[in-house]
Amino acid sequence: MNDYSRLYGGLICLGTVLVGLGFIVGILRQSYWAVAMPVALGFLIILGLGFWVGWTIMTIRVESPTPGSKSESDEE
């Protein structure tokens, strides 16, 4: 593991702590945005993952076997 991995890990930890503190401050101020933004972001991430799965399924290339050819499982 190199030093950059540890640096990135530390930055991710620091970022999550800062976002968490911002969320708590927003909740204590009774701000609508403190709840709306994380929910919207999570929803958009889930939609993005669903689109990615659909795109992957739609664009995958599958070659049909030719008659008389052996598959890898037949060779064993």
N, C-alpha and C. Protein backbone atom coordinates (compact mmCIF):
# COMPACT_ATOMS: atom_id res chain seq x y z
N MET A 1 0.85 -1.17 0.00
CA MET A 1 0.00 0.00 0.00
C MET A 1 0.90 1.23 0.00
N ASN A 2 0.64 2.15 -0.90
CA ASN A 2 1.50 3.33 -0.97
C ASN A 2 0.94 4.48 -0.13
N ASP A 3 1.73 5.55 -0.03
CA ASP A 3 1.34 6.69 0.81
C ASP A 3 0.11 7.41 0.27
N TYR A 4 -0.07 7.39 -1.04
CA TYR A 4 -1.23 8.07 -1.62
C TYR A 4 -2.53 7.39 -1.18
N SER A 5 -2.52 6.09 -1.04
CA SER A 5 -3.72 5.39 -0.59
C SER A 5 -4.10 5.84 0.82
N ARG A 6 -3.12 5.97 1.68
CA ARG A 6 -3.39 6.43 3.05
C ARG A 6 -3.87 7.88 3.04
N LEU A 7 -3.30 8.70 2.20
CA LEU A 7 -3.72 10.09 2.09
C LEU A 7 -5.17 10.18 1.62
N TYR A 8 -5.49 9.43 0.57
CA TYR A 8 -6.87 9.45 0.06
C TYR A 8 -7.85 8.91 1.11
N GLY A 9 -7.45 7.87 1.82
CA GLY A 9 -8.29 7.34 2.88
C GLY A 9 -8.54 8.37 3.97
N GLY A 10 -7.50 9.09 4.36
CA GLY A 10 -7.65 10.14 5.36
C GLY A 10 -8.54 11.27 4.88
N LEU A 11 -8.39 11.65 3.61
CA LEU A 11 -9.24 12.71 3.06
C LEU A 11 -10.71 12.28 3.00
N ILE A 12 -10.94 11.02 2.67
CA ILE A 12 -12.31 10.51 2.65
C ILE A 12 -12.90 10.55 4.05
N CYS A 13 -12.12 10.11 5.04
CA CYS A 13 -12.60 10.15 6.43
C CYS A 13 -12.91 11.58 6.87
N LEU A 14 -12.00 12.51 6.57
CA LEU A 14 -12.22 13.91 6.91
C LEU A 14 -13.46 14.46 6.22
N GLY A 15 -13.63 14.12 4.95
CA GLY A 15 -14.80 14.59 4.21
C GLY A 15 -16.10 14.07 4.79
N THR A 16 -16.13 12.80 5.18
CA THR A 16 -17.37 12.25 5.75
C THR A 16 -17.67 12.89 7.11
N VAL A 17 -16.64 13.17 7.90
CA VAL A 17 -16.87 13.84 9.19
C VAL A 17 -17.42 15.25 8.96
N LEU A 18 -16.86 15.98 8.01
CA LEU A 18 -17.35 17.34 7.73
C LEU A 18 -18.78 17.33 7.20
N VAL A 19 -19.09 16.40 6.32
CA VAL A 19 -20.47 16.31 5.80
C VAL A 19 -21.42 15.92 6.92
N GLY A 20 -21.00 15.01 7.79
CA GLY A 20 -21.83 14.62 8.93
C GLY A 20 -22.08 15.78 9.88
N LEU A 21 -21.04 16.57 10.16
CA LEU A 21 -21.23 17.75 11.01
C LEU A 21 -22.16 18.76 10.37
N GLY A 22 -22.00 18.96 9.07
CA GLY A 22 -22.92 19.86 8.36
C GLY A 22 -24.35 19.38 8.42
N PHE A 23 -24.55 18.08 8.33
CA PHE A 23 -25.90 17.51 8.42
C PHE A 23 -26.49 17.75 9.81
N ILE A 24 -25.68 17.50 10.84
CA ILE A 24 -26.17 17.69 12.22
C ILE A 24 -26.51 19.16 12.47
N VAL A 25 -25.66 20.07 12.01
CA VAL A 25 -25.94 21.50 12.18
C VAL A 25 -27.23 21.87 11.45
N GLY A 26 -27.41 21.35 10.26
CA GLY A 26 -28.63 21.63 9.50
C GLY A 26 -29.87 21.10 10.20
N ILE A 27 -29.78 19.91 10.78
CA ILE A 27 -30.92 19.35 11.51
C ILE A 27 -31.23 20.20 12.74
N LEU A 28 -30.19 20.60 13.48
CA LEU A 28 -30.42 21.43 14.66
C LEU A 28 -31.01 22.79 14.32
N ARG A 29 -30.72 23.30 13.15
CA ARG A 29 -31.32 24.56 12.69
C ARG A 29 -32.70 24.33 12.08
N GLN A 30 -33.11 23.09 12.03
CA GLN A 30 -34.39 22.68 11.43
C GLN A 30 -34.48 23.12 9.97
N SER A 31 -33.40 22.88 9.26
CA SER A 31 -33.33 23.24 7.85
C SER A 31 -33.88 22.11 6.98
N TYR A 32 -34.76 22.44 6.09
CA TYR A 32 -35.32 21.49 5.14
C TYR A 32 -34.22 20.89 4.26
N TRP A 33 -33.24 21.71 3.88
CA TRP A 33 -32.20 21.27 2.97
C TRP A 33 -31.28 20.22 3.58
N ALA A 34 -31.16 20.22 4.90
CA ALA A 34 -30.29 19.23 5.56
C ALA A 34 -30.79 17.82 5.34
N VAL A 35 -32.08 17.65 5.18
CA VAL A 35 -32.66 16.33 4.92
C VAL A 35 -32.85 16.11 3.42
N ALA A 36 -33.27 17.15 2.72
CA ALA A 36 -33.60 17.01 1.30
C ALA A 36 -32.38 16.69 0.44
N MET A 37 -31.25 17.29 0.70
CA MET A 37 -30.07 17.08 -0.14
C MET A 37 -29.51 15.66 -0.03
N PRO A 38 -29.31 15.09 1.18
CA PRO A 38 -28.83 13.71 1.22
C PRO A 38 -29.82 12.70 0.63
N VAL A 39 -31.11 12.94 0.84
CA VAL A 39 -32.11 12.03 0.28
C VAL A 39 -32.09 12.12 -1.24
N ALA A 40 -32.04 13.34 -1.77
CA ALA A 40 -32.00 13.51 -3.23
C ALA A 40 -30.73 12.91 -3.81
N LEU A 41 -29.60 13.11 -3.15
CA LEU A 41 -28.34 12.56 -3.64
C LEU A 41 -28.37 11.03 -3.64
N GLY A 42 -28.86 10.43 -2.56
CA GLY A 42 -28.96 8.97 -2.50
C GLY A 42 -29.89 8.43 -3.56
N PHE A 43 -31.02 9.10 -3.78
CA PHE A 43 -31.97 8.68 -4.80
C PHE A 43 -31.35 8.75 -6.19
N LEU A 44 -30.62 9.82 -6.46
CA LEU A 44 -29.98 9.96 -7.77
C LEU A 44 -28.88 8.92 -7.97
N ILE A 45 -28.17 8.57 -6.91
CA ILE A 45 -27.15 7.53 -7.02
C ILE A 45 -27.80 6.19 -7.34
N ILE A 46 -28.91 5.88 -6.68
CA ILE A 46 -29.62 4.62 -6.97
C ILE A 46 -30.14 4.61 -8.40
N LEU A 47 -30.68 5.73 -8.86
CA LEU A 47 -31.13 5.82 -10.25
C LEU A 47 -29.96 5.63 -11.22
N GLY A 48 -28.82 6.22 -10.90
CA GLY A 48 -27.63 6.07 -11.75
C GLY A 48 -27.17 4.62 -11.81
N LEU A 49 -27.19 3.93 -10.68
CA LEU A 49 -26.81 2.51 -10.68
C LEU A 49 -27.79 1.69 -11.51
N GLY A 50 -29.08 1.99 -11.39
CA GLY A 50 -30.08 1.28 -12.19
C GLY A 50 -29.86 1.52 -13.68
N PHE A 51 -29.56 2.77 -14.05
CA PHE A 51 -29.29 3.07 -15.46
C PHE A 51 -28.05 2.33 -15.94
N TRP A 52 -27.01 2.28 -15.11
CA TRP A 52 -25.77 1.59 -15.47
C TRP A 52 -26.02 0.10 -15.70
N VAL A 53 -26.82 -0.52 -14.83
CA VAL A 53 -27.13 -1.94 -15.01
C VAL A 53 -27.91 -2.15 -16.31
N GLY A 54 -28.90 -1.30 -16.55
CA GLY A 54 -29.67 -1.41 -17.78
C GLY A 54 -28.81 -1.20 -19.01
N TRP A 55 -27.93 -0.22 -18.98
CA TRP A 55 -27.04 0.06 -20.11
C TRP A 55 -26.10 -1.13 -20.36
N THR A 56 -25.59 -1.71 -19.27
CA THR A 56 -24.69 -2.86 -19.40
C THR A 56 -25.41 -4.04 -20.04
N ILE A 57 -26.63 -4.31 -19.60
CA ILE A 57 -27.40 -5.41 -20.17
C ILE A 57 -27.74 -5.13 -21.63
N MET A 58 -28.08 -3.87 -21.94
CA MET A 58 -28.49 -3.52 -23.29
C MET A 58 -27.33 -3.60 -24.28
N THR A 59 -26.11 -3.27 -23.84
CA THR A 59 -25.00 -3.17 -24.79
C THR A 59 -24.06 -4.36 -24.77
N ILE A 60 -24.32 -5.38 -23.97
CA ILE A 60 -23.43 -6.54 -23.91
C ILE A 60 -23.50 -7.31 -25.23
N ARG A 61 -22.37 -7.79 -25.67
CA ARG A 61 -22.31 -8.57 -26.90
C ARG A 61 -22.19 -10.04 -26.55
N VAL A 62 -23.11 -10.80 -27.03
CA VAL A 62 -23.09 -12.24 -26.79
C VAL A 62 -23.05 -12.93 -28.14
N GLU A 63 -22.03 -13.74 -28.33
CA GLU A 63 -21.91 -14.47 -29.58
C GLU A 63 -22.60 -15.82 -29.42
N SER A 64 -23.49 -16.11 -30.34
CA SER A 64 -24.16 -17.39 -30.27
C SER A 64 -23.22 -18.48 -30.77
N PRO A 65 -23.26 -19.63 -30.14
CA PRO A 65 -22.36 -20.71 -30.57
C PRO A 65 -22.78 -21.25 -31.93
N THR A 66 -21.79 -21.63 -32.71
CA THR A 66 -22.10 -22.20 -34.02
C THR A 66 -22.43 -23.68 -33.83
N PRO A 67 -23.29 -24.21 -34.68
CA PRO A 67 -23.65 -25.62 -34.54
C PRO A 67 -22.42 -26.52 -34.66
N GLY A 68 -22.31 -27.49 -33.77
CA GLY A 68 -21.21 -28.44 -33.82
C GLY A 68 -19.99 -28.00 -33.04
N SER A 69 -19.98 -26.78 -32.52
CA SER A 69 -18.81 -26.35 -31.74
C SER A 69 -18.97 -26.78 -30.29
N LYS A 70 -17.83 -27.01 -29.63
CA LYS A 70 -17.87 -27.45 -28.25
C LYS A 70 -17.70 -26.23 -27.35
N SER A 71 -18.43 -26.21 -26.26
CA SER A 71 -18.24 -25.16 -25.28
C SER A 71 -17.14 -25.57 -24.31
N GLU A 72 -16.70 -24.66 -23.46
CA GLU A 72 -15.63 -24.97 -22.52
C GLU A 72 -16.05 -26.05 -21.54
N SER A 73 -17.33 -26.08 -21.16
CA SER A 73 -17.78 -27.07 -20.19
C SER A 73 -17.83 -28.49 -20.82
N ASP A 74 -17.96 -28.58 -22.15
CA ASP A 74 -18.00 -29.87 -22.83
C ASP A 74 -16.61 -30.49 -22.93
N GLU A 75 -15.56 -29.66 -22.87
CA GLU A 75 -14.21 -30.15 -23.06
C GLU A 75 -13.66 -30.87 -21.84
N GLU A 76 -14.22 -30.64 -20.65
CA GLU A 76 -13.67 -31.23 -19.43
C GLU A 76 -14.11 -32.65 -19.23
